[in-house]
C-alpha cells in the first residue's frame, strides 16, 4: 500500500485541510533516528536496571537521560552540603539634595580603594566605616547617563515555556505540558472546537511569515505603529541540539486574544494561553529603550564613594506587553531592581546632606536547589534530552521516589543519591554530561542523514557490552535465573 504522511502544526480546520491536500512521503531518516533513540534507551535501561534490582533494592530503573537528570539534582545537593558560609557587610546611605529629594546608594570605595565583595568582613570594621560616614560631608562627583536598548525575547519553545510557566505561574513541567496539550488539541468556543496554540513539543523559535504578518497587524491595531519595528524580527535557536522541525509555540488565531475567550477557558488554561499570547506578540515588537544613570557621591576628603544606579524606561516597547521572569540562579545577575528606580535631578559638584546610614550583615548563600525552570534550562544548556522528554523525565524521578519536591524545588531522596553514586562508580562514562550530549548530537546526525543508525548502535553496544562484561559488579544470582525470561538478551543488534 502507498503510505504518505500529512504534517500540520496546529489543529485548525484550514491547517488540517491544507495538510491533507499536501501529503509527503515517509522520511526514513527521521524513522531511523527514532529507532536509534529507542534502541539506545532499551540497551542502557534493560542492561543496567536488572543490576539495580539485585544490588540496590527499591531502585526500579536507570535511563539514558533520566540518570543524568538525577545526577544533576544529587550533585547540587552535595554542593549545598559542602558549602561554607562567608560573612560580609555592606554600608548604605541615603542623601537629600537642595530640594529635599531622596536618593540612596552603596559604598563602593573606601580610603581611595575599590571595595570588593568580602572586603568588609566584620561588624567592627563596618562600624568604623559607618562612623566616618556620619561625620563626613558629601557632594556629587560624577554623573553618567547612557541610553540602552533591550530587544524582545523569541517566542516560546517547549523548554522556555516550561521555564516561564514555572517562574511566573508556579506550574510543574508536566502540568504545563498537560495544559498546553489541551490548548493544542482544541477548546470549544461557542459553536466550534479549535486548537488555540501550535504544537507544543518544539525547539524551534521561528514563526511562519503569514503568522508574523498577523502579529504585526495586531500590534499596530492594539498599540500603534510606533511599537512596530520597520521589518519583521527573525529568530534562530541557540540551543546546542535544536532540530527546529516545528514552529515556535504561538496562538493559532490572532483574533482570539485571551480576554475575548476567557469565559471558555479554565483558570490555568487562561493563564498559560495568556503567557503564550503575550510572549508571541512581544517577540515582534519594537525594542525597549532605557536611560541608565550612574551617580557617584564622594566625601570631601575623597575617602568615601557611594554609588547610585538607576534606570528609567524612555520607551517601553515590548516591555509594555511582556517581561521575562527570573529564577534564583539569575537574581544576582539581574538589574531588574534598577528598572524604574527614579534618581532625582542632580548636578556634578552639588552638595548633598546625609539623611541616614547603616551597615548590613550578609552571608554567602549556597547554590539554590533546582526548580523545574532551572533544571530544564540546565539540561537544555548541556544538550541533554529533547524538549518532548523533559516533563516526563522529571515526573519519573518523582514517581520512583528518587527525588521529592519541596516548595517547588527538587531534593534528592537517599535512594536517589545512592543510585547516582552507584552509577557514577560503575557506569560513570554513560552518565557523563558530555557523553550524553554527544549521543544527542549523533542522533541528530542520523535524522539529518549524516550518520548510519546501525553504525551508531554497533559502536555504542560494542563498547557498552565490553564494559558490562569486564566490570565486576557482581555475579549471577537466583534473581537472574528466575527472571531470565523478562530480561532481553542484548548481545546483537537486530
Protein backbone atom coordinates (compact mmCIF):
# COMPACT_ATOMS: atom_id res chain seq x y z
CA UNK A 1 0.00 0.00 0.00
CA UNK A 2 1.12 3.51 -0.71
CA UNK A 3 1.63 5.25 2.63
CA UNK A 4 2.02 9.01 2.93
CA UNK A 5 2.31 11.38 5.85
CA UNK A 6 0.41 14.60 6.47
CA UNK A 7 2.03 17.23 8.64
CA UNK A 8 0.29 20.05 10.48
CA UNK A 9 1.49 22.33 13.22
CA UNK A 10 -1.91 23.35 14.57
CA UNK A 11 -5.32 21.73 14.90
CA UNK A 12 -7.47 24.18 13.00
CA UNK A 13 -9.80 23.47 10.10
CA UNK A 14 -7.71 25.24 7.45
CA UNK A 15 -4.42 23.81 8.68
CA UNK A 16 -5.67 20.21 8.58
CA UNK A 17 -7.38 20.59 5.19
CA UNK A 18 -4.20 22.08 3.71
CA UNK A 19 -2.12 19.26 5.21
CA UNK A 20 -4.41 16.63 3.67
CA UNK A 21 -4.02 18.29 0.26
CA UNK A 22 -0.21 18.21 0.56
CA UNK A 23 0.90 14.81 1.89
CA UNK A 24 4.57 13.84 1.83
CA UNK A 25 6.47 10.58 1.76
CA UNK A 26 7.75 8.95 4.94
CA UNK A 27 11.13 10.40 5.95
CA UNK A 28 13.20 7.27 6.56
CA UNK A 29 15.97 9.25 8.26
CA UNK A 30 13.58 10.51 10.94
CA UNK A 31 12.29 6.98 11.41
CA UNK A 32 15.85 5.68 11.81
CA UNK A 33 16.66 8.41 14.34
CA UNK A 34 13.60 7.31 16.34
CA UNK A 35 14.65 3.64 16.12
CA UNK A 36 18.16 4.50 17.27
CA UNK A 37 16.88 6.61 20.17
CA UNK A 38 14.53 3.84 21.30
CA UNK A 39 17.22 1.16 20.95
CA UNK A 40 19.75 3.19 22.97
CA UNK A 41 17.21 3.74 25.72
CA UNK A 42 16.45 0.00 25.81
CA UNK A 43 20.09 -1.07 25.64
CA UNK A 44 21.01 1.13 28.60
CA UNK A 45 17.84 0.67 30.61
CA UNK A 46 17.43 -3.10 30.11
CA UNK A 47 21.11 -3.72 30.87
CA UNK A 48 21.50 -1.58 33.99
CA UNK A 49 18.06 -1.93 35.60
CA UNK A 50 18.37 -5.67 36.46
CA UNK A 51 21.69 -4.92 38.16
CA UNK A 52 19.97 -2.26 40.24
CA UNK A 53 17.22 -4.71 41.26
CA UNK A 54 19.90 -7.03 42.66
CA UNK A 55 22.28 -4.54 44.21
CA UNK A 56 20.04 -1.63 45.25
CA UNK A 57 16.62 -2.90 46.41
CA UNK A 58 13.99 -0.27 45.74
CA UNK A 59 15.82 1.22 42.76
CA UNK A 60 13.48 0.47 39.93
CA UNK A 61 15.28 1.73 36.84
CA UNK A 62 18.04 3.74 35.25
CA UNK A 63 17.87 5.57 31.94
CA UNK A 64 19.99 7.32 29.35
CA UNK A 65 18.65 10.80 30.23
CA UNK A 66 16.81 10.10 33.49
CA UNK A 67 20.01 9.10 35.32
CA UNK A 68 21.82 12.23 34.12
CA UNK A 69 18.99 14.46 35.38
CA UNK A 70 19.12 12.66 38.74
CA UNK A 71 22.88 13.21 38.84
CA UNK A 72 22.37 16.96 38.37
CA UNK A 73 19.98 17.10 41.34
CA UNK A 74 22.22 14.92 43.54
CA UNK A 75 25.38 16.87 42.74
CA UNK A 76 23.64 20.16 43.50
CA UNK A 77 22.63 18.78 46.93
CA UNK A 78 26.26 17.80 47.58
CA UNK A 79 27.37 21.33 46.65
CA UNK A 80 24.87 22.75 49.14
CA UNK A 81 26.07 20.44 51.92
CA UNK A 82 29.75 21.26 51.32
CA UNK A 83 29.12 25.00 51.07
CA UNK A 84 30.90 27.11 53.66
CA UNK A 85 29.19 30.36 54.58
CA UNK A 86 31.22 33.56 54.46
CA UNK A 87 30.23 36.72 56.34
CA UNK A 88 30.41 40.12 54.67
CA UNK A 89 28.96 43.59 55.23
CA UNK A 90 27.73 46.46 53.08
CA UNK A 91 27.42 50.13 54.01
CA UNK A 92 24.40 52.04 52.70
CA UNK A 93 23.47 55.69 52.89
CA UNK A 94 20.68 57.99 51.76
CA UNK A 95 21.15 61.63 50.82
CA UNK A 96 18.98 64.73 50.34
CA UNK A 97 19.54 67.32 47.62
CA UNK A 98 18.69 71.00 47.92
CA UNK A 99 15.01 70.25 47.19
CA UNK A 100 14.91 67.59 49.92
CA UNK A 101 14.60 64.81 47.34
CA UNK A 102 15.95 61.46 48.49
CA UNK A 103 18.49 59.19 46.79
CA UNK A 104 20.20 56.07 48.18
CA UNK A 105 23.48 54.39 47.37
CA UNK A 106 26.00 51.74 48.41
CA UNK A 107 29.62 52.32 49.45
CA UNK A 108 31.92 51.22 46.63
CA UNK A 109 35.23 52.86 47.63
CA UNK A 110 36.98 53.37 50.97
CA UNK A 111 40.31 55.08 51.61
CA UNK A 112 40.74 55.51 47.85
CA UNK A 113 40.48 51.75 47.18
CA UNK A 114 37.66 49.92 45.43
CA UNK A 115 35.74 47.66 47.79
CA UNK A 116 35.43 44.03 46.77
CA UNK A 117 32.56 41.85 47.96
CA UNK A 118 34.28 40.43 51.05
CA UNK A 119 36.50 43.39 51.99
CA UNK A 120 34.20 44.50 54.85
CA UNK A 121 34.28 41.21 56.74
CA UNK A 122 33.38 42.12 60.33
CA UNK A 123 30.96 44.30 62.30
CA UNK A 124 33.87 46.16 63.90
CA UNK A 125 35.23 47.20 60.51
CA UNK A 126 31.74 48.09 59.25
CA UNK A 127 31.12 50.24 62.36
CA UNK A 128 34.46 52.00 61.87
CA UNK A 129 33.48 52.96 58.32
CA UNK A 130 29.97 53.96 59.40
CA UNK A 131 31.41 56.37 61.99
CA UNK A 132 33.43 58.10 59.28
CA UNK A 133 30.38 58.29 57.02
CA UNK A 134 28.36 60.03 59.74
CA UNK A 135 30.92 62.82 60.27
CA UNK A 136 31.62 63.45 56.57
CA UNK A 137 30.23 65.95 54.07
CA UNK A 138 29.27 64.78 50.58
CA UNK A 139 28.87 66.06 47.07
CA UNK A 140 28.07 64.65 43.63
CA UNK A 141 31.38 63.81 41.96
CA UNK A 142 30.29 62.09 38.74
CA UNK A 143 27.11 61.52 36.72
CA UNK A 144 26.94 59.12 33.79
CA UNK A 145 23.88 58.67 31.60
CA UNK A 146 23.54 56.14 28.84
CA UNK A 147 20.59 55.09 26.72
CA UNK A 148 20.41 51.33 26.20
CA UNK A 149 18.15 49.14 24.10
CA UNK A 150 16.60 45.87 25.18
CA UNK A 151 15.41 43.51 22.50
CA UNK A 152 12.37 41.26 22.93
CA UNK A 153 12.67 37.54 23.62
CA UNK A 154 11.92 34.94 20.94
CA UNK A 155 8.57 33.13 21.09
CA UNK A 156 8.33 30.04 23.27
CA UNK A 157 9.92 26.65 22.70
CA UNK A 158 8.95 23.69 24.88
CA UNK A 159 11.76 24.32 27.35
CA UNK A 160 11.33 28.11 27.61
CA UNK A 161 7.57 27.67 28.07
CA UNK A 162 8.20 25.21 30.90
CA UNK A 163 10.71 27.61 32.47
CA UNK A 164 8.45 30.66 32.33
CA UNK A 165 5.36 28.76 33.49
CA UNK A 166 7.41 27.52 36.44
CA UNK A 167 8.70 31.00 37.32
CA UNK A 168 5.56 33.04 36.73
CA UNK A 169 2.71 30.59 37.30
CA UNK A 170 4.28 28.03 39.63
CA UNK A 171 3.42 25.18 37.22
CA UNK A 172 5.48 21.99 37.13
CA UNK A 173 6.85 20.96 33.73
CA UNK A 174 4.32 18.11 33.49
CA UNK A 175 1.40 20.40 34.41
CA UNK A 176 2.49 22.92 31.79
CA UNK A 177 2.60 20.23 29.11
CA UNK A 178 -0.77 18.79 30.15
CA UNK A 179 -2.47 22.19 29.85
CA UNK A 180 -0.61 23.02 26.61
CA UNK A 181 -1.75 19.66 25.17
CA UNK A 182 -5.37 20.61 25.80
CA UNK A 183 -4.93 24.07 24.28
CA UNK A 184 -3.34 22.41 21.24
CA UNK A 185 -5.99 19.70 20.84
CA UNK A 186 -8.79 22.24 20.99
CA UNK A 187 -11.22 24.17 23.16
CA UNK A 188 -14.91 24.53 22.33
CA UNK A 189 -15.60 28.16 21.53
CA UNK A 190 -19.34 28.79 21.06
CA UNK A 191 -20.26 26.53 18.13
CA UNK A 192 -16.83 25.23 17.08
CA UNK A 193 -13.87 23.45 18.69
CA UNK A 194 -10.49 24.82 17.65
CA UNK A 195 -6.87 24.35 18.67
CA UNK A 196 -5.67 27.57 20.28
CA UNK A 197 -1.90 27.04 20.10
CA UNK A 198 0.54 25.36 17.75
CA UNK A 199 2.33 22.07 18.54
CA UNK A 200 3.87 22.34 22.00
CA UNK A 201 6.81 19.92 21.60
CA UNK A 202 9.30 22.00 19.67
CA UNK A 203 12.70 23.63 19.96
CA UNK A 204 12.13 25.94 17.00
CA UNK A 205 11.86 29.69 17.62
CA UNK A 206 10.84 30.58 14.09
CA UNK A 207 7.31 31.60 13.04
CA UNK A 208 5.77 31.43 9.56
CA UNK A 209 5.60 34.64 7.52
CA UNK A 210 1.78 34.66 7.43
CA UNK A 211 1.61 34.47 11.22
CA UNK A 212 4.24 37.21 11.57
CA UNK A 213 2.09 39.48 9.40
CA UNK A 214 -0.92 38.72 11.59
CA UNK A 215 1.10 39.51 14.73
CA UNK A 216 2.32 42.80 13.26
CA UNK A 217 -1.23 43.77 12.32
CA UNK A 218 -2.35 43.04 15.87
CA UNK A 219 0.48 45.13 17.35
CA UNK A 220 -0.36 48.05 15.08
CA UNK A 221 -4.05 47.80 16.00
CA UNK A 222 -3.59 47.40 19.77
CA UNK A 223 -0.51 49.53 20.48
CA UNK A 224 0.13 51.79 17.49
CA UNK A 225 2.73 51.83 14.75
CA UNK A 226 5.47 53.26 16.95
CA UNK A 227 5.55 49.87 18.72
CA UNK A 228 6.20 48.09 15.42
CA UNK A 229 9.73 47.61 14.00
CA UNK A 230 10.28 48.54 10.35
CA UNK A 231 10.83 44.90 9.42
CA UNK A 232 9.78 41.58 10.98
CA UNK A 233 12.04 40.02 13.60
CA UNK A 234 13.54 36.65 12.64
CA UNK A 235 14.85 34.29 15.31
CA UNK A 236 17.20 31.33 15.29
CA UNK A 237 17.59 28.83 18.13
CA UNK A 238 20.72 28.99 20.30
CA UNK A 239 20.15 25.52 21.76
CA UNK A 240 23.06 23.19 21.00
CA UNK A 241 20.94 20.37 19.59
CA UNK A 242 17.87 22.22 18.31
CA UNK A 243 16.08 20.49 15.45
CA UNK A 244 13.64 23.32 14.65
CA UNK A 245 11.31 20.98 12.76
CA UNK A 246 8.26 22.78 14.15
CA UNK A 247 7.37 26.41 14.58
CA UNK A 248 7.65 28.07 17.96
CA UNK A 249 4.65 27.78 20.29
CA UNK A 250 2.22 30.52 19.31
CA UNK A 251 -1.52 31.22 19.17
CA UNK A 252 -3.21 29.83 16.05
CA UNK A 253 -5.63 32.72 15.62
CA UNK A 254 -4.62 36.26 16.49
CA UNK A 255 -8.25 37.37 16.57
CA UNK A 256 -8.68 35.24 19.71
CA UNK A 257 -6.98 37.35 22.38
CA UNK A 258 -7.06 35.88 25.90
CA UNK A 259 -9.70 38.24 27.33
CA UNK A 260 -12.14 37.63 24.48
CA UNK A 261 -12.20 33.86 25.11
CA UNK A 262 -11.60 33.79 28.87
CA UNK A 263 -15.15 32.53 29.54
CA UNK A 264 -14.38 29.34 27.56
CA UNK A 265 -11.13 28.58 29.42
CA UNK A 266 -10.41 27.10 32.82
CA UNK A 267 -8.31 29.34 35.07
CA UNK A 268 -4.99 27.56 34.46
CA UNK A 269 -5.72 27.29 30.72
CA UNK A 270 -6.29 31.05 30.60
CA UNK A 271 -3.04 31.75 32.47
CA UNK A 272 -0.95 29.63 30.12
CA UNK A 273 -2.67 30.89 26.96
CA UNK A 274 -2.21 34.48 28.17
CA UNK A 275 1.51 33.81 28.74
CA UNK A 276 1.92 32.33 25.25
CA UNK A 277 -0.08 35.19 23.69
CA UNK A 278 1.96 37.93 25.35
CA UNK A 279 5.32 36.28 24.61
CA UNK A 280 4.37 35.83 20.93
CA UNK A 281 3.05 39.37 20.46
CA UNK A 282 6.03 40.93 22.28
CA UNK A 283 8.52 38.95 20.14
CA UNK A 284 7.63 41.13 17.12
CA UNK A 285 7.50 44.45 18.95
CA UNK A 286 9.90 47.38 18.99
CA UNK A 287 12.88 47.26 21.35
CA UNK A 288 12.57 48.98 24.72
CA UNK A 289 14.79 51.98 25.42
CA UNK A 290 16.03 52.75 28.91
CA UNK A 291 18.02 55.63 30.31
CA UNK A 292 20.57 54.13 32.67
CA UNK A 293 22.06 56.54 35.19
CA UNK A 294 25.03 56.09 37.50
CA UNK A 295 25.83 58.72 40.15
CA UNK A 296 28.94 58.78 42.39
CA UNK A 297 28.67 60.67 45.69
CA UNK A 298 32.03 61.40 47.31
CA UNK A 299 33.07 62.72 50.71
CA UNK A 300 35.06 65.96 50.79
CA UNK A 301 38.24 64.11 51.77
CA UNK A 302 37.71 61.69 48.82
CA UNK A 303 37.94 58.65 51.13
CA UNK A 304 34.29 57.57 50.80
CA UNK A 305 32.46 57.00 47.50
CA UNK A 306 28.83 55.86 47.27
CA UNK A 307 27.19 54.85 44.01
CA UNK A 308 23.55 55.11 42.98
CA UNK A 309 22.37 53.11 39.98
CA UNK A 310 19.00 53.52 38.35
CA UNK A 311 17.24 53.35 35.03
CA UNK A 312 14.10 54.88 33.71
CA UNK A 313 12.12 53.50 30.81
CA UNK A 314 12.30 56.06 27.99
CA UNK A 315 10.23 53.95 25.56
CA UNK A 316 8.55 50.79 26.84
CA UNK A 317 8.47 48.90 23.51
CA UNK A 318 7.91 45.19 24.09
CA UNK A 319 8.02 45.71 27.88
CA UNK A 320 4.53 47.17 27.59
CA UNK A 321 3.35 43.60 26.96
CA UNK A 322 5.89 41.20 28.42
CA UNK A 323 8.77 40.96 30.87
CA UNK A 324 10.65 37.67 31.32
CA UNK A 325 10.72 36.12 34.77
CA UNK A 326 13.88 35.23 36.67
CA UNK A 327 14.83 32.12 38.60
CA UNK A 328 17.11 32.17 41.63
CA UNK A 329 20.20 31.41 39.56
CA UNK A 330 19.76 34.73 37.72
CA UNK A 331 18.72 37.04 40.52
CA UNK A 332 22.22 38.27 41.32
CA UNK A 333 22.93 38.94 37.64
CA UNK A 334 19.81 40.99 37.11
CA UNK A 335 19.48 44.74 37.16
CA UNK A 336 15.71 44.36 37.31
CA UNK A 337 15.58 46.12 40.70
CA UNK A 338 17.06 49.20 39.00
CA UNK A 339 14.33 49.46 36.36
CA UNK A 340 12.17 52.48 37.13
CA UNK A 341 14.28 53.42 40.17
CA UNK A 342 13.96 57.17 39.91
CA UNK A 343 17.05 59.23 40.70
CA UNK A 344 16.18 62.89 41.40
CA UNK A 345 17.78 65.58 39.24
CA UNK A 346 21.37 66.05 40.40
CA UNK A 347 24.32 68.13 39.19
CA UNK A 348 28.04 67.46 39.43
CA UNK A 349 29.70 69.16 42.44
CA UNK A 350 26.27 69.63 44.06
CA UNK A 351 26.42 69.31 47.86
CA UNK A 352 24.20 66.69 49.48
CA UNK A 353 23.09 66.22 53.08
CA UNK A 354 23.46 62.81 54.68
CA UNK A 355 19.95 61.63 55.60
CA UNK A 356 20.67 58.18 57.04
CA UNK A 357 23.32 55.46 57.02
CA UNK A 358 23.50 51.82 58.05
CA UNK A 359 25.63 48.73 57.75
CA UNK A 360 24.05 45.42 56.77
CA UNK A 361 25.35 41.95 57.56
CA UNK A 362 25.21 39.33 54.79
CA UNK A 363 26.18 35.70 54.43
CA UNK A 364 27.00 33.99 51.18
CA UNK A 365 24.31 31.56 50.12
CA UNK A 366 24.80 28.07 48.67
CA UNK A 367 23.65 27.46 45.10
CA UNK A 368 19.85 27.09 45.08
CA UNK A 369 18.21 23.72 44.57
CA UNK A 370 16.84 23.17 41.08
CA UNK A 371 13.31 24.19 40.21
CA UNK A 372 11.53 22.94 37.10
CA UNK A 373 12.65 26.13 35.36
CA UNK A 374 16.33 25.97 36.30
CA UNK A 375 16.63 22.20 35.79
CA UNK A 376 15.06 22.30 32.33
CA UNK A 377 17.32 25.23 31.46
CA UNK A 378 20.41 23.36 32.67
CA UNK A 379 19.53 20.22 30.70
CA UNK A 380 18.96 22.31 27.58
CA UNK A 381 22.29 24.11 28.06
CA UNK A 382 24.10 20.77 28.39
CA UNK A 383 22.35 19.40 25.29
CA UNK A 384 20.76 16.55 27.24
CA UNK A 385 17.41 15.06 26.20
CA UNK A 386 14.82 16.57 23.90
CA UNK A 387 12.11 19.15 24.63
CA UNK A 388 9.42 16.48 24.46
CA UNK A 389 11.11 14.40 27.18
CA UNK A 390 11.86 16.96 29.92
CA UNK A 391 8.47 16.84 31.66
CA UNK A 392 8.21 13.04 31.61
CA UNK A 393 11.79 12.60 32.89
CA UNK A 394 11.18 14.85 35.89
CA UNK A 395 7.89 13.08 36.61
CA UNK A 396 9.61 9.66 36.54
CA UNK A 397 12.20 10.81 39.10
CA UNK A 398 9.39 11.79 41.48
CA UNK A 399 7.20 8.74 40.77
CA UNK A 400 10.09 6.39 41.55
CA UNK A 401 10.90 8.22 44.79
CA UNK A 402 14.38 9.22 43.62
CA UNK A 403 13.59 12.87 44.36
CA UNK A 404 10.91 14.90 46.12
CA UNK A 405 9.71 18.46 45.63
CA UNK A 406 9.51 20.97 48.45
CA UNK A 407 8.27 24.49 47.70
CA UNK A 408 8.82 23.81 44.01
CA UNK A 409 12.45 22.68 44.47
CA UNK A 410 13.96 19.26 43.82
CA UNK A 411 15.56 17.38 46.72
CA UNK A 412 17.20 14.01 46.11
CA UNK A 413 15.99 11.17 48.31
CA UNK A 414 18.63 8.93 49.91
CA UNK A 415 17.69 6.26 47.37
CA UNK A 416 18.35 8.68 44.52
CA UNK A 417 21.73 9.73 45.89
CA UNK A 418 22.82 6.12 46.42
CA UNK A 419 21.72 5.31 42.88
CA UNK A 420 23.72 8.25 41.49
CA UNK A 421 26.80 7.15 43.46
CA UNK A 422 26.40 3.57 42.22
CA UNK A 423 26.00 4.59 38.57
CA UNK A 424 28.89 7.06 38.80
CA UNK A 425 31.11 4.33 40.24
CA UNK A 426 30.24 1.51 37.82
CA UNK A 427 28.82 3.33 34.76
CA UNK A 428 30.43 6.74 35.11
CA UNK A 429 31.10 7.29 31.41
CA UNK A 430 27.49 6.61 30.47
CA UNK A 431 26.02 9.25 32.75
CA UNK A 432 28.64 11.89 31.94
CA UNK A 433 27.07 15.12 30.67
CA UNK A 434 29.36 15.34 27.64
CA UNK A 435 28.80 11.69 26.69
CA UNK A 436 25.00 12.06 26.84
CA UNK A 437 25.12 15.34 24.87
CA UNK A 438 27.36 13.72 22.22
CA UNK A 439 24.83 10.91 21.83
CA UNK A 440 22.11 13.52 21.22
CA UNK A 441 24.27 15.16 18.55
CA UNK A 442 24.78 11.82 16.82
CA UNK A 443 21.04 11.11 16.92
CA UNK A 444 20.50 14.47 15.24
CA UNK A 445 23.08 13.50 12.60
CA UNK A 446 21.01 10.38 11.85
CA UNK A 447 17.88 12.49 11.34
CA UNK A 448 19.92 14.73 9.01
CA UNK A 449 21.12 11.71 7.01
CA UNK A 450 24.75 12.25 8.04
CA UNK A 451 25.19 9.08 10.12
CA UNK A 452 24.04 5.49 9.72
CA UNK A 453 21.95 4.49 12.71
CA UNK A 454 23.17 0.87 12.74
CA UNK A 455 26.76 2.05 12.89
CA UNK A 456 25.96 4.26 15.88
CA UNK A 457 24.23 1.37 17.68
CA UNK A 458 27.00 -1.07 16.84
CA UNK A 459 29.73 1.26 18.12
CA UNK A 460 27.79 2.03 21.28
CA UNK A 461 26.90 -1.61 22.04
CA UNK A 462 30.41 -2.92 21.39
CA UNK A 463 31.81 -0.52 23.97
CA UNK A 464 28.92 -0.83 26.43
CA UNK A 465 28.79 -4.65 26.37
CA UNK A 466 32.55 -4.81 26.90
CA UNK A 467 32.11 -2.54 29.91
CA UNK A 468 29.33 -4.79 31.28
CA UNK A 469 31.38 -7.97 30.73
CA UNK A 470 34.59 -6.62 32.23
CA UNK A 471 33.07 -4.75 35.17
CA UNK A 472 32.93 -6.96 38.24
CA UNK A 473 29.70 -5.54 39.58
CA UNK A 474 28.58 -8.97 40.72
CA UNK A 475 27.95 -12.50 39.52
CA UNK A 476 24.70 -14.12 38.53
CA UNK A 477 22.15 -14.63 41.25
CA UNK A 478 18.99 -16.65 41.69
CA UNK A 479 17.15 -13.49 40.75
CA UNK A 480 18.67 -13.59 37.27
CA UNK A 481 17.67 -17.23 36.77
CA UNK A 482 14.14 -16.62 37.95
CA UNK A 483 13.70 -13.54 35.77
CA UNK A 484 15.74 -14.61 32.75
CA UNK A 485 12.66 -14.59 30.52
CA UNK A 486 11.99 -10.92 31.39
CA UNK A 487 15.48 -9.67 30.61
CA UNK A 488 16.23 -9.32 26.86
CA UNK A 489 19.42 -10.98 25.59
CA UNK A 490 21.04 -7.89 24.13
CA UNK A 491 24.07 -9.50 22.52
CA UNK A 492 23.50 -8.41 18.93
CA UNK A 493 21.91 -5.52 17.13
CA UNK A 494 18.78 -6.56 15.17
